[in-house]
C-alpha atoms as a PDB file:
ATOM      1  CA  MET A   1     179.640  41.848 -13.016  1.00  0.00           C
ATOM      2  CA  ALA A   2     179.373  44.521 -15.746  1.00  0.00           C
ATOM      3  CA  TRP A   3     176.343  45.989 -13.990  1.00  0.00           C
ATOM      4  CA  THR A   4     178.138  45.882 -10.655  1.00  0.00           C
ATOM      5  CA  SER A   5     181.208  47.597 -12.124  1.00  0.00           C
ATOM      6  CA  GLY A   6     179.090  50.281 -13.786  1.00  0.00           C
ATOM      7  CA  GLY A   7     177.105  50.726 -10.585  1.00  0.00           C
ATOM      8  CA  MET A   8     180.325  51.124  -8.648  1.00  0.00           C
ATOM      9  CA  ARG A   9     181.567  53.755 -11.127  1.00  0.00           C
ATOM     10  CA  ARG A  10     178.280  55.658 -10.912  1.00  0.00           C
ATOM     11  CA  SER A  11     178.405  55.409  -7.122  1.00  0.00           C
ATOM     12  CA  SER A  12     181.970  56.732  -7.081  1.00  0.00           C
ATOM     13  CA  ILE A  13     181.056  59.648  -9.328  1.00  0.00           C
ATOM     14  CA  ILE A  14     178.105  60.519  -7.126  1.00  0.00           C
ATOM     15  CA  SER A  15     180.339  60.342  -4.032  1.00  0.00           C
ATOM     16  CA  VAL A  16     182.918  62.658  -5.616  1.00  0.00           C
ATOM     17  CA  ILE A  17     180.210  65.151  -6.602  1.00  0.00           C
ATOM     18  CA  PHE A  18     178.795  65.022  -3.080  1.00  0.00           C
ATOM     19  CA  ILE A  19     182.226  65.640  -1.549  1.00  0.00           C
ATOM     20  CA  LEU A  20     182.905  68.515  -3.943  1.00  0.00           C
ATOM     21  CA  THR A  21     179.519  69.994  -3.086  1.00  0.00           C
ATOM     22  CA  LEU A  22     180.297  69.833   0.606  1.00  0.00           C
ATOM     23  CA  THR A  23     183.728  71.354   0.015  1.00  0.00           C
ATOM     24  CA  GLY A  24     182.230  74.167  -2.022  1.00  0.00           C
ATOM     25  CA  THR A  25     179.646  74.860   0.647  1.00  0.00           C
ATOM     26  CA  SER A  26     182.265  74.867   3.370  1.00  0.00           C
ATOM     27  CA  SER A  27     184.576  77.240   1.497  1.00  0.00           C
ATOM     28  CA  ALA A  28     181.689  79.639   0.941  1.00  0.00           C
ATOM     29  CA  LYS A  29     181.342  80.264   4.664  1.00  0.00           C
ATOM     30  CA  LEU A  30     183.171  82.914   6.632  1.00  0.00           C
ATOM     31  CA  SER A  31     186.088  81.648   8.670  1.00  0.00           C
ATOM     32  CA  THR A  32     188.749  83.106  10.936  1.00  0.00           C
ATOM     33  CA  SER A  33     191.353  81.111   8.990  1.00  0.00           C
ATOM     34  CA  PHE A  34     190.255  82.062   5.468  1.00  0.00           C
ATOM     35  CA  TYR A  35     193.505  83.917   4.694  1.00  0.00           C
ATOM     36  CA  SER A  36     195.835  81.657   6.684  1.00  0.00           C
ATOM     37  CA  LYS A  37     197.555  80.476   3.499  1.00  0.00           C
ATOM     38  CA  SER A  38     196.548  82.997   0.828  1.00  0.00           C
ATOM     39  CA  CYS A  39     197.358  86.174   2.802  1.00  0.00           C
ATOM     40  CA  PRO A  40     198.551  85.630   6.396  1.00  0.00           C
ATOM     41  CA  GLY A  41     200.060  89.130   6.418  1.00  0.00           C
ATOM     42  CA  VAL A  42     196.730  90.909   6.000  1.00  0.00           C
ATOM     43  CA  TYR A  43     196.197  91.455   9.718  1.00  0.00           C
ATOM     44  CA  ASP A  44     199.551  93.139  10.310  1.00  0.00           C
ATOM     45  CA  ALA A  45     199.044  95.305   7.237  1.00  0.00           C
ATOM     46  CA  VAL A  46     195.646  96.514   8.450  1.00  0.00           C
ATOM     47  CA  LYS A  47     196.837  97.046  12.015  1.00  0.00           C
ATOM     48  CA  LEU A  48     199.828  99.185  11.027  1.00  0.00           C
ATOM     49  CA  VAL A  49     197.690 101.575   8.989  1.00  0.00           C
ATOM     50  CA  MET A  50     195.018 101.796  11.686  1.00  0.00           C
ATOM     51  CA  GLU A  51     197.574 102.470  14.409  1.00  0.00           C
ATOM     52  CA  SER A  52     199.043 105.292  12.338  1.00  0.00           C
ATOM     53  CA  ALA A  53     195.631 106.766  11.497  1.00  0.00           C
ATOM     54  CA  ILE A  54     194.429 106.736  15.108  1.00  0.00           C
ATOM     55  CA  ALA A  55     197.733 108.170  16.329  1.00  0.00           C
ATOM     56  CA  LYS A  56     197.114 111.123  14.028  1.00  0.00           C
ATOM     57  CA  GLU A  57     193.445 111.468  14.996  1.00  0.00           C
ATOM     58  CA  LYS A  58     191.795 109.534  17.817  1.00  0.00           C
ATOM     59  CA  ARG A  59     188.359 110.067  16.287  1.00  0.00           C
ATOM     60  CA  MET A  60     189.312 107.941  13.282  1.00  0.00           C
ATOM     61  CA  GLY A  61     188.798 104.720  15.232  1.00  0.00           C
ATOM     62  CA  ALA A  62     185.158 105.605  15.805  1.00  0.00           C
ATOM     63  CA  SER A  63     184.781 106.679  12.178  1.00  0.00           C
ATOM     64  CA  ILE A  64     185.987 103.324  10.834  1.00  0.00           C
ATOM     65  CA  LEU A  65     183.738 101.458  13.283  1.00  0.00           C
ATOM     66  CA  ARG A  66     180.785 103.534  12.085  1.00  0.00           C
ATOM     67  CA  LEU A  67     181.612 102.671   8.465  1.00  0.00           C
ATOM     68  CA  PHE A  68     181.346  98.985   9.323  1.00  0.00           C
ATOM     69  CA  PHE A  69     177.965  99.445  11.036  1.00  0.00           C
ATOM     70  CA  HIS A  70     176.514 101.480   8.183  1.00  0.00           C
ATOM     71  CA  ASP A  71     177.838  99.046   5.600  1.00  0.00           C
ATOM     72  CA  CYS A  72     176.489  95.904   7.245  1.00  0.00           C
ATOM     73  CA  PHE A  73     172.977  97.329   7.691  1.00  0.00           C
ATOM     74  CA  VAL A  74     172.593  97.766   3.928  1.00  0.00           C
ATOM     75  CA  GLN A  75     172.853  94.650   1.728  1.00  0.00           C
ATOM     76  CA  GLY A  76     174.977  93.010   4.413  1.00  0.00           C
ATOM     77  CA  CYS A  77     178.716  93.451   5.014  1.00  0.00           C
ATOM     78  CA  ASP A  78     179.713  93.799   1.367  1.00  0.00           C
ATOM     79  CA  ALA A  79     181.592  97.137   1.176  1.00  0.00           C
ATOM     80  CA  SER A  80     178.736  98.670  -0.822  1.00  0.00           C
ATOM     81  CA  LEU A  81     179.091 101.774   1.342  1.00  0.00           C
ATOM     82  CA  LEU A  82     182.601 102.385  -0.005  1.00  0.00           C
ATOM     83  CA  LEU A  83     181.467 102.819  -3.617  1.00  0.00           C
ATOM     84  CA  ASP A  84     181.578 106.370  -4.980  1.00  0.00           C
ATOM     85  CA  ASP A  85     178.769 107.860  -7.000  1.00  0.00           C
ATOM     86  CA  THR A  86     179.352 108.106 -10.742  1.00  0.00           C
ATOM     87  CA  PRO A  87     177.218 109.547 -13.554  1.00  0.00           C
ATOM     88  CA  ASN A  88     175.817 106.031 -14.051  1.00  0.00           C
ATOM     89  CA  PHE A  89     175.864 104.743 -10.479  1.00  0.00           C
ATOM     90  CA  LYS A  90     174.117 105.884  -7.300  1.00  0.00           C
ATOM     91  CA  GLY A  91     175.912 104.779  -4.162  1.00  0.00           C
ATOM     92  CA  GLU A  92     175.075 105.051  -0.467  1.00  0.00           C
ATOM     93  CA  LYS A  93     177.381 107.846   0.627  1.00  0.00           C
ATOM     94  CA  THR A  94     174.860 110.640   0.077  1.00  0.00           C
ATOM     95  CA  ALA A  95     171.933 108.888   1.803  1.00  0.00           C
ATOM     96  CA  THR A  96     170.536 110.820   4.770  1.00  0.00           C
ATOM     97  CA  PRO A  97     172.203 108.711   7.536  1.00  0.00           C
ATOM     98  CA  ASN A  98     175.566 108.931   5.759  1.00  0.00           C
ATOM     99  CA  ILE A  99     176.015 112.351   4.225  1.00  0.00           C
ATOM    100  CA  GLY A 100     178.107 114.569   6.484  1.00  0.00           C
ATOM    101  CA  SER A 101     178.443 111.678   8.947  1.00  0.00           C
ATOM    102  CA  ILE A 102     180.560 108.879   7.512  1.00  0.00           C
ATOM    103  CA  ARG A 103     184.252 109.471   7.002  1.00  0.00           C
ATOM    104  CA  GLY A 104     187.577 107.651   6.928  1.00  0.00           C
ATOM    105  CA  PHE A 105     187.462 106.436   3.333  1.00  0.00           C
ATOM    106  CA  GLU A 106     191.030 107.575   2.755  1.00  0.00           C
ATOM    107  CA  VAL A 107     192.155 105.282   5.590  1.00  0.00           C
ATOM    108  CA  ILE A 108     190.432 102.317   3.940  1.00  0.00           C
ATOM    109  CA  ASP A 109     192.166 103.297   0.689  1.00  0.00           C
ATOM    110  CA  ALA A 110     195.520 103.296   2.490  1.00  0.00           C
ATOM    111  CA  ILE A 111     194.824  99.882   4.014  1.00  0.00           C
ATOM    112  CA  LYS A 112     193.796  98.475   0.632  1.00  0.00           C
ATOM    113  CA  SER A 113     197.046  99.760  -0.882  1.00  0.00           C
ATOM    114  CA  ALA A 114     199.096  98.205   1.915  1.00  0.00           C
ATOM    115  CA  VAL A 115     197.298  94.865   1.659  1.00  0.00           C
ATOM    116  CA  GLU A 116     197.662  94.772  -2.127  1.00  0.00           C
ATOM    117  CA  LYS A 117     201.431  95.043  -1.706  1.00  0.00           C
ATOM    118  CA  VAL A 118     201.398  91.986   0.553  1.00  0.00           C
ATOM    119  CA  CYS A 119     199.012  89.824  -1.504  1.00  0.00           C
ATOM    120  CA  PRO A 120     197.494  91.453  -4.587  1.00  0.00           C
ATOM    121  CA  GLY A 121     193.972  90.571  -5.619  1.00  0.00           C
ATOM    122  CA  VAL A 122     193.239  88.361  -2.608  1.00  0.00           C
ATOM    123  CA  VAL A 123     191.580  90.366   0.187  1.00  0.00           C
ATOM    124  CA  SER A 124     188.203  92.038  -0.274  1.00  0.00           C
ATOM    125  CA  CYS A 125     187.384  95.576   0.788  1.00  0.00           C
ATOM    126  CA  ALA A 126     184.548  94.110   2.872  1.00  0.00           C
ATOM    127  CA  ASP A 127     187.034  92.062   4.895  1.00  0.00           C
ATOM    128  CA  ILE A 128     189.420  94.997   5.188  1.00  0.00           C
ATOM    129  CA  LEU A 129     186.607  97.050   6.728  1.00  0.00           C
ATOM    130  CA  ALA A 130     185.691  94.251   9.154  1.00  0.00           C
ATOM    131  CA  ILE A 131     189.290  93.831  10.319  1.00  0.00           C
ATOM    132  CA  ALA A 132     189.858  97.601  10.561  1.00  0.00           C
ATOM    133  CA  ALA A 133     186.714  97.998  12.699  1.00  0.00           C
ATOM    134  CA  ARG A 134     187.995  95.351  15.112  1.00  0.00           C
ATOM    135  CA  ASP A 135     191.423  96.964  15.258  1.00  0.00           C
ATOM    136  CA  SER A 136     189.853 100.367  15.960  1.00  0.00           C
ATOM    137  CA  VAL A 137     188.126  98.961  19.031  1.00  0.00           C
ATOM    138  CA  VAL A 138     191.277  97.223  20.276  1.00  0.00           C
ATOM    139  CA  ILE A 139     193.590 100.200  19.733  1.00  0.00           C
ATOM    140  CA  LEU A 140     191.243 102.426  21.758  1.00  0.00           C
ATOM    141  CA  GLY A 141     191.165 100.014  24.698  1.00  0.00           C
ATOM    142  CA  GLY A 142     188.307  97.692  23.856  1.00  0.00           C
ATOM    143  CA  PRO A 143     188.061  93.906  23.573  1.00  0.00           C
ATOM    144  CA  ILE A 144     189.782  91.769  20.955  1.00  0.00           C
ATOM    145  CA  TRP A 145     188.240  88.971  18.912  1.00  0.00           C
ATOM    146  CA  ASP A 146     189.037  86.849  15.878  1.00  0.00           C
ATOM    147  CA  VAL A 147     187.378  88.328  12.806  1.00  0.00           C
ATOM    148  CA  LYS A 148     185.595  85.935  10.479  1.00  0.00           C
ATOM    149  CA  VAL A 149     186.652  86.638   6.896  1.00  0.00           C
ATOM    150  CA  GLY A 150     186.015  85.372   3.393  1.00  0.00           C
ATOM    151  CA  ARG A 151     183.608  88.095   2.255  1.00  0.00           C
ATOM    152  CA  ARG A 152     183.591  89.379  -1.282  1.00  0.00           C
ATOM    153  CA  ASP A 153     182.712  92.844  -2.516  1.00  0.00           C
ATOM    154  CA  SER A 154     179.391  93.861  -3.995  1.00  0.00           C
ATOM    155  CA  THR A 155     178.973  95.326  -7.443  1.00  0.00           C
ATOM    156  CA  THR A 156     175.829  97.143  -6.336  1.00  0.00           C
ATOM    157  CA  ALA A 157     174.731  99.595  -3.644  1.00  0.00           C
ATOM    158  CA  SER A 158     171.371 100.632  -2.228  1.00  0.00           C
ATOM    159  CA  PHE A 159     170.662 104.315  -1.640  1.00  0.00           C
ATOM    160  CA  ASN A 160     167.134 103.471  -0.486  1.00  0.00           C
ATOM    161  CA  GLY A 161     168.416 100.710   1.757  1.00  0.00           C
ATOM    162  CA  ALA A 162     170.744 103.164   3.471  1.00  0.00           C
ATOM    163  CA  ASN A 163     167.866 105.576   4.043  1.00  0.00           C
ATOM    164  CA  ASN A 164     165.543 102.893   5.396  1.00  0.00           C
ATOM    165  CA  ASN A 165     167.739 100.388   7.270  1.00  0.00           C
ATOM    166  CA  ILE A 166     170.141 102.494   9.332  1.00  0.00           C
ATOM    167  CA  PRO A 167     168.584 103.591  12.650  1.00  0.00           C
ATOM    168  CA  PRO A 168     168.219 107.390  12.803  1.00  0.00           C
ATOM    169  CA  PRO A 169     169.258 109.270  15.973  1.00  0.00           C
ATOM    170  CA  THR A 170     165.612 110.165  16.576  1.00  0.00           C
ATOM    171  CA  SER A 171     164.639 106.496  16.984  1.00  0.00           C
ATOM    172  CA  GLY A 172     162.635 105.288  19.939  1.00  0.00           C
ATOM    173  CA  LEU A 173     163.305 101.952  21.605  1.00  0.00           C
ATOM    174  CA  ALA A 174     160.697 100.109  19.541  1.00  0.00           C
ATOM    175  CA  ASN A 175     162.114 101.380  16.254  1.00  0.00           C
ATOM    176  CA  LEU A 176     165.676 100.572  17.286  1.00  0.00           C
ATOM    177  CA  THR A 177     164.659  97.066  18.258  1.00  0.00           C
ATOM    178  CA  SER A 178     162.769  96.587  14.996  1.00  0.00           C
ATOM    179  CA  LEU A 179     165.569  97.836  12.744  1.00  0.00           C
ATOM    180  CA  PHE A 180     168.136  95.623  14.454  1.00  0.00           C
ATOM    181  CA  ALA A 181     165.751  92.653  14.333  1.00  0.00           C
ATOM    182  CA  ALA A 182     165.454  93.146  10.573  1.00  0.00           C
ATOM    183  CA  GLN A 183     169.185  92.382  10.423  1.00  0.00           C
ATOM    184  CA  GLY A 184     168.874  89.287  12.598  1.00  0.00           C
ATOM    185  CA  LEU A 185     170.118  91.083  15.708  1.00  0.00           C
ATOM    186  CA  SER A 186     168.338  90.846  19.061  1.00  0.00           C
ATOM    187  CA  GLN A 187     167.439  93.657  21.415  1.00  0.00           C
ATOM    188  CA  LYS A 188     170.330  92.509  23.603  1.00  0.00           C
ATOM    189  CA  ASP A 189     172.663  92.819  20.611  1.00  0.00           C
ATOM    190  CA  MET A 190     171.278  96.274  19.923  1.00  0.00           C
ATOM    191  CA  VAL A 191     172.006  97.567  23.422  1.00  0.00           C
ATOM    192  CA  ALA A 192     175.518  96.090  23.383  1.00  0.00           C
ATOM    193  CA  LEU A 193     176.343  97.371  19.904  1.00  0.00           C
ATOM    194  CA  SER A 194     175.044 100.825  20.818  1.00  0.00           C
ATOM    195  CA  GLY A 195     178.028 100.894  23.160  1.00  0.00           C
ATOM    196  CA  ALA A 196     180.076 101.757  20.070  1.00  0.00           C
ATOM    197  CA  HIS A 197     179.009 105.287  20.975  1.00  0.00           C
ATOM    198  CA  THR A 198     181.527 105.153  23.790  1.00  0.00           C
ATOM    199  CA  ILE A 199     183.885 106.660  21.194  1.00  0.00           C
ATOM    200  CA  GLY A 200     183.481 109.330  18.567  1.00  0.00           C
ATOM    201  CA  LEU A 201     181.653 112.568  17.922  1.00  0.00           C
ATOM    202  CA  ALA A 202     178.238 113.565  16.608  1.00  0.00           C
ATOM    203  CA  ARG A 203     177.029 116.627  14.724  1.00  0.00           C
ATOM    204  CA  CYS A 204     174.665 119.177  16.237  1.00  0.00           C
ATOM    205  CA  THR A 205     172.006 118.325  13.666  1.00  0.00           C
ATOM    206  CA  THR A 206     171.762 114.794  15.079  1.00  0.00           C
ATOM    207  CA  PHE A 207     171.142 115.818  18.700  1.00  0.00           C
ATOM    208  CA  ARG A 208     169.550 119.294  18.457  1.00  0.00           C
ATOM    209  CA  ALA A 209     166.008 118.049  19.016  1.00  0.00           C
ATOM    210  CA  HIS A 210     167.096 116.016  22.037  1.00  0.00           C
ATOM    211  CA  ILE A 211     168.768 118.867  23.888  1.00  0.00           C
ATOM    212  CA  TYR A 212     165.995 121.376  23.177  1.00  0.00           C
ATOM    213  CA  ASN A 213     162.790 119.355  23.153  1.00  0.00           C
ATOM    214  CA  ASP A 214     163.187 116.185  25.220  1.00  0.00           C
ATOM    215  CA  THR A 215     162.586 115.910  28.954  1.00  0.00           C
ATOM    216  CA  ASP A 216     164.578 112.712  29.548  1.00  0.00           C
ATOM    217  CA  ILE A 217     167.834 114.657  29.722  1.00  0.00           C
ATOM    218  CA  ASP A 218     169.871 116.212  32.516  1.00  0.00           C
ATOM    219  CA  ALA A 219     169.172 119.959  32.442  1.00  0.00           C
ATOM    220  CA  ALA A 220     172.758 121.063  33.044  1.00  0.00           C
ATOM    221  CA  PHE A 221     174.005 118.690  30.353  1.00  0.00           C
ATOM    222  CA  ALA A 222     171.443 120.026  27.884  1.00  0.00           C
ATOM    223  CA  TRP A 223     172.474 123.617  28.597  1.00  0.00           C
ATOM    224  CA  THR A 224     176.137 122.750  28.079  1.00  0.00           C
ATOM    225  CA  ARG A 225     175.442 121.178  24.705  1.00  0.00           C
ATOM    226  CA  ARG A 226     173.280 124.116  23.620  1.00  0.00           C
ATOM    227  CA  CYS A 227     176.311 126.402  23.819  1.00  0.00           C
ATOM    228  CA  ASP A 228     177.723 124.827  20.664  1.00  0.00           C
ATOM    229  CA  CYS A 229     174.463 123.757  19.070  1.00  0.00           C
ATOM    230  CA  PRO A 230     172.053 126.651  18.393  1.00  0.00           C
ATOM    231  CA  ARG A 231     168.337 125.926  18.300  1.00  0.00           C
ATOM    232  CA  LYS A 232     167.890 127.271  14.770  1.00  0.00           C
ATOM    233  CA  SER A 233     168.296 124.650  12.077  1.00  0.00           C
ATOM    234  CA  GLY A 234     171.060 125.578   9.650  1.00  0.00           C
ATOM    235  CA  SER A 235     173.070 127.299  12.363  1.00  0.00           C
ATOM    236  CA  GLY A 236     175.988 125.272  13.695  1.00  0.00           C
ATOM    237  CA  ASP A 237     174.654 122.065  12.176  1.00  0.00           C
ATOM    238  CA  ASN A 238     178.117 120.556  11.832  1.00  0.00           C
ATOM    239  CA  ASN A 239     179.411 121.548  15.264  1.00  0.00           C
ATOM    240  CA  LEU A 240     180.623 118.440  17.065  1.00  0.00           C
ATOM    241  CA  ALA A 241     180.114 117.001  20.546  1.00  0.00           C
ATOM    242  CA  PRO A 242     181.411 113.763  22.089  1.00  0.00           C
ATOM    243  CA  LEU A 243     178.988 110.837  22.153  1.00  0.00           C
ATOM    244  CA  ASP A 244     180.551 109.777  25.450  1.00  0.00           C
ATOM    245  CA  LEU A 245     180.799 112.718  27.825  1.00  0.00           C
ATOM    246  CA  LEU A 246     183.449 111.059  29.994  1.00  0.00           C
ATOM    247  CA  THR A 247     185.929 109.217  27.773  1.00  0.00           C
ATOM    248  CA  PRO A 248     185.239 109.895  24.079  1.00  0.00           C
ATOM    249  CA  THR A 249     188.541 108.414  22.898  1.00  0.00           C
ATOM    250  CA  VAL A 250     188.602 105.331  25.137  1.00  0.00           C
ATOM    251  CA  PHE A 251     186.496 102.268  24.425  1.00  0.00           C
ATOM    252  CA  GLY A 252     184.856 101.395  27.737  1.00  0.00           C
ATOM    253  CA  ASN A 253     181.540 101.280  29.589  1.00  0.00           C
ATOM    254  CA  ASP A 254     181.251 104.985  30.534  1.00  0.00           C
ATOM    255  CA  TYR A 255     178.689 105.432  27.764  1.00  0.00           C
ATOM    256  CA  TYR A 256     176.189 103.457  29.851  1.00  0.00           C
ATOM    257  CA  GLN A 257     176.943 105.468  32.978  1.00  0.00           C
ATOM    258  CA  ASN A 258     176.095 108.582  30.988  1.00  0.00           C
ATOM    259  CA  LEU A 259     172.696 107.088  30.169  1.00  0.00           C
ATOM    260  CA  VAL A 260     171.938 106.420  33.835  1.00  0.00           C
ATOM    261  CA  TRP A 261     172.792 110.059  34.525  1.00  0.00           C
ATOM    262  CA  LYS A 262     170.478 111.085  31.646  1.00  0.00           C
ATOM    263  CA  LYS A 263     173.417 112.445  29.698  1.00  0.00           C
ATOM    264  CA  GLY A 264     173.002 110.464  26.488  1.00  0.00           C
ATOM    265  CA  LEU A 265     173.817 112.765  23.574  1.00  0.00           C
ATOM    266  CA  LEU A 266     171.339 111.330  21.083  1.00  0.00           C
ATOM    267  CA  HIS A 267     167.644 110.710  21.627  1.00  0.00           C
ATOM    268  CA  SER A 268     168.229 107.122  20.502  1.00  0.00           C
ATOM    269  CA  ASP A 269     170.999 106.724  23.089  1.00  0.00           C
ATOM    270  CA  GLN A 270     168.863 107.831  26.008  1.00  0.00           C
ATOM    271  CA  GLU A 271     166.031 105.559  24.861  1.00  0.00           C
ATOM    272  CA  LEU A 272     168.114 102.626  26.095  1.00  0.00           C
ATOM    273  CA  PHE A 273     167.661 103.867  29.668  1.00  0.00           C
ATOM    274  CA  ASN A 274     164.309 105.531  29.949  1.00  0.00           C
ATOM    275  CA  GLY A 275     162.095 103.293  32.059  1.00  0.00           C
ATOM    276  CA  GLY A 276     161.865 100.594  29.406  1.00  0.00           C
ATOM    277  CA  ALA A 277     162.788  96.984  28.762  1.00  0.00           C
ATOM    278  CA  THR A 278     166.512  97.657  28.323  1.00  0.00           C
ATOM    279  CA  ASP A 279     167.164  99.535  31.575  1.00  0.00           C
ATOM    280  CA  ALA A 280     168.410  96.427  33.385  1.00  0.00           C
ATOM    281  CA  GLN A 281     170.895  95.598  30.652  1.00  0.00           C
ATOM    282  CA  VAL A 282     172.302  99.135  30.729  1.00  0.00           C
ATOM    283  CA  LEU A 283     172.740  98.903  34.509  1.00  0.00           C
ATOM    284  CA  SER A 284     174.484  95.538  34.148  1.00  0.00           C
ATOM    285  CA  TYR A 285     177.076  97.143  31.859  1.00  0.00           C
ATOM    286  CA  VAL A 286     177.631 100.000  34.292  1.00  0.00           C
ATOM    287  CA  VAL A 287     178.492  97.414  36.949  1.00  0.00           C
ATOM    288  CA  SER A 288     180.524  95.135  34.698  1.00  0.00           C
ATOM    289  CA  GLN A 289     182.614  96.349  31.781  1.00  0.00           C
ATOM    290  CA  SER A 290     183.610  92.754  31.066  1.00  0.00           C
ATOM    291  CA  SER A 291     179.941  91.864  30.492  1.00  0.00           C
ATOM    292  CA  PHE A 292     179.618  94.736  28.053  1.00  0.00           C
ATOM    293  CA  PHE A 293     182.790  93.679  26.232  1.00  0.00           C
ATOM    294  CA  ALA A 294     181.627  90.066  25.954  1.00  0.00           C
ATOM    295  CA  ASP A 295     178.211  91.035  24.591  1.00  0.00           C
ATOM    296  CA  PHE A 296     179.714  93.632  22.256  1.00  0.00           C
ATOM    297  CA  VAL A 297     182.015  91.021  20.731  1.00  0.00           C
ATOM    298  CA  THR A 298     179.075  88.643  20.287  1.00  0.00           C
ATOM    299  CA  GLY A 299     177.105  91.395  18.572  1.00  0.00           C
ATOM    300  CA  MET A 300     179.985  92.380  16.294  1.00  0.00           C
ATOM    301  CA  ILE A 301     180.488  88.791  15.142  1.00  0.00           C
ATOM    302  CA  LYS A 302     176.760  88.418  14.472  1.00  0.00           C
ATOM    303  CA  MET A 303     176.649  91.715  12.611  1.00  0.00           C
ATOM    304  CA  GLY A 304     179.649  90.668  10.530  1.00  0.00           C
ATOM    305  CA  ASP A 305     177.669  87.589   9.465  1.00  0.00           C
ATOM    306  CA  ILE A 306     174.851  89.607   7.879  1.00  0.00           C
ATOM    307  CA  THR A 307     174.342  88.232   4.338  1.00  0.00           C
ATOM    308  CA  PRO A 308     177.977  88.262   3.170  1.00  0.00           C
ATOM    309  CA  LEU A 309     178.869  87.605  -0.444  1.00  0.00           C
ATOM    310  CA  THR A 310     181.028  84.487  -0.587  1.00  0.00           C
ATOM    311  CA  GLY A 311     182.287  81.859  -3.010  1.00  0.00           C
ATOM    312  CA  CYS A 312     181.879  83.129  -6.562  1.00  0.00           C
ATOM    313  CA  SER A 313     179.449  85.925  -5.700  1.00  0.00           C
ATOM    314  CA  GLY A 314     180.587  89.519  -6.018  1.00  0.00           C
ATOM    315  CA  GLN A 315     184.237  90.310  -6.674  1.00  0.00           C
ATOM    316  CA  ILE A 316     187.509  91.335  -5.077  1.00  0.00           C
ATOM    317  CA  ARG A 317     187.661  95.029  -5.916  1.00  0.00           C
ATOM    318  CA  LYS A 318     190.970  96.486  -7.032  1.00  0.00           C
ATOM    319  CA  ASN A 319     189.878  99.887  -5.778  1.00  0.00           C
ATOM    320  CA  CYS A 320     187.425  99.970  -2.887  1.00  0.00           C
ATOM    321  CA  ARG A 321     185.692 103.022  -4.317  1.00  0.00           C
ATOM    322  CA  ARG A 322     184.624 101.475  -7.607  1.00  0.00           C
ATOM    323  CA  VAL A 323     183.543  98.238  -9.204  1.00  0.00           C
ATOM    324  CA  ASN A 324     186.129  96.431 -11.318  1.00  0.00           C
ATOM    325  CA  ASN A 325     185.865  97.026 -15.064  1.00  0.00           C
END
């Protein structure tokens, strides 16, 4: 009986450990209900700030969405992009794909401040960015989805990762496909997520080569863009043009119609419709905005799942721009 009793105790202990292990594993996964008890007010707090920011400047929605893309492609969706450089720390903000391109950090700061008032020390900057990106899409007329949360913030950044992982605007279809595949995203995801360019602006330096050197571009469109983007490098580099010729402040499927008309602003945009493997998908989005929206949501959820820090990894930053002391 003593052996049986001891065996039962050992069995019970093992069962408890197993259950705790399962519980720990479960809690370390992203979930749409992660803040349901700890901070149910986070979504309203984020939405109010985003609505105000976009009301002041429509472009800000696209800027916040771009922040999320550029963050997730480097070390996963961990808010590493938000970290400022210091004398002892090299962040990602000055990497080639980011410098002069990414913006909206003050809006993330404002959201963080608002969320901290509701539930201090609970919500990560990584989750704030994910929720704000979703709200940007919705506010500008795009689809809505439930954001999976539970991410924690990194204590590191990768300048080299930013330079190597984020697709440059000069990318061909093969390079785009490869860079997205490296993040676990399919070619279908890539084409759908590229539809984020239905909103926002781009600098002359990112599309100069396309409007002067490429042949897969409508001639009249190229001439129009050349008016504000001189051929000479260093001249008008920061002049802006809409990524979506038709509706640059409305999230819809006009971006794909532009591609069919050979009016994609970036070389990488037009590569999606240039006699290649993705032409049919582009045409399907021209015909059906609902198909684009559905695939975009799928892609955003998958992108948000890229190697998040969860459980005890990382931290919940007090200030999104710097690591906690």
